[in-house]
Amino acid sequence: MKALNILYAFLGGALVGCSAAVLLAPEKGADVRARLCDLLKKKGIKISDAEVDELVAELARSEE
């Protein structure tokens, strides 16, 4: 059970790290949001532009 918790912690950290890297990349915000939206749609996750904006705002608040 302990190994499973370590795996979840690693995957959670990787997800946060990847999100931060995408959001802090030296590109225009609109380009990053569009790329993020396209990537999620390719993975079968239906998300609107407004939901992407909310996600970005939430991640930005957590970085403060």
Protein backbone atom coordinates (compact mmCIF):
# COMPACT_ATOMS: atom_id res chain seq x y z
CA MET A 1 0.00 0.00 0.00
CA LYS A 2 2.89 2.35 0.77
CA ALA A 3 4.34 1.87 -2.71
CA LEU A 4 0.99 2.82 -4.24
CA ASN A 5 0.94 6.07 -2.23
CA ILE A 6 4.44 6.91 -3.44
CA LEU A 7 3.35 6.27 -7.02
CA TYR A 8 0.33 8.57 -6.61
CA ALA A 9 2.53 11.27 -5.10
CA PHE A 10 4.98 10.98 -8.00
CA LEU A 11 2.24 11.14 -10.62
CA GLY A 12 0.61 14.11 -8.89
CA GLY A 13 3.93 15.94 -8.78
CA ALA A 14 4.58 15.18 -12.42
CA LEU A 15 1.17 16.53 -13.39
CA VAL A 16 1.70 19.77 -11.44
CA GLY A 17 5.20 20.14 -12.88
CA CYS A 18 4.03 19.65 -16.45
CA SER A 19 1.18 22.09 -15.96
CA ALA A 20 3.52 24.71 -14.55
CA ALA A 21 5.98 24.20 -17.40
CA VAL A 22 3.28 24.63 -20.02
CA LEU A 23 1.87 27.72 -18.32
CA LEU A 24 5.27 29.34 -17.75
CA ALA A 25 6.60 28.63 -21.24
CA PRO A 26 7.72 31.70 -23.18
CA GLU A 27 4.69 31.79 -25.45
CA LYS A 28 1.67 34.03 -25.62
CA GLY A 29 -1.04 32.99 -23.19
CA ALA A 30 -3.63 32.59 -25.92
CA ASP A 31 -1.32 30.21 -27.80
CA VAL A 32 -0.70 28.11 -24.69
CA ARG A 33 -4.40 27.94 -23.86
CA ALA A 34 -5.25 26.89 -27.42
CA ARG A 35 -2.54 24.23 -27.37
CA LEU A 36 -3.73 22.96 -23.99
CA CYS A 37 -7.32 22.82 -25.22
CA ASP A 38 -6.31 20.94 -28.39
CA LEU A 39 -4.23 18.47 -26.39
CA LEU A 40 -7.11 17.72 -24.02
CA LYS A 41 -9.55 17.30 -26.92
CA LYS A 42 -7.18 14.83 -28.61
CA LYS A 43 -7.16 12.82 -25.37
CA GLY A 44 -10.97 12.71 -25.44
CA ILE A 45 -11.56 15.33 -22.76
CA LYS A 46 -14.21 17.77 -23.86
CA ILE A 47 -13.42 21.21 -22.44
CA SER A 48 -14.50 24.69 -23.41
CA ASP A 49 -12.29 27.74 -23.72
CA ALA A 50 -13.91 29.19 -20.59
CA GLU A 51 -13.04 26.03 -18.63
CA VAL A 52 -9.43 26.25 -19.82
CA ASP A 53 -9.31 29.88 -18.65
CA GLU A 54 -10.68 28.84 -15.25
CA LEU A 55 -8.07 26.08 -15.00
CA VAL A 56 -5.27 28.50 -15.85
CA ALA A 57 -6.54 31.00 -13.27
CA GLU A 58 -6.74 28.29 -10.62
CA LEU A 59 -3.20 27.12 -11.34
CA ALA A 60 -1.94 30.71 -11.25
CA ARG A 61 -3.57 31.23 -7.85
CA SER A 62 -1.93 28.09 -6.49
CA GLU A 63 1.49 29.35 -7.60
CA GLU A 64 1.18 32.49 -5.44
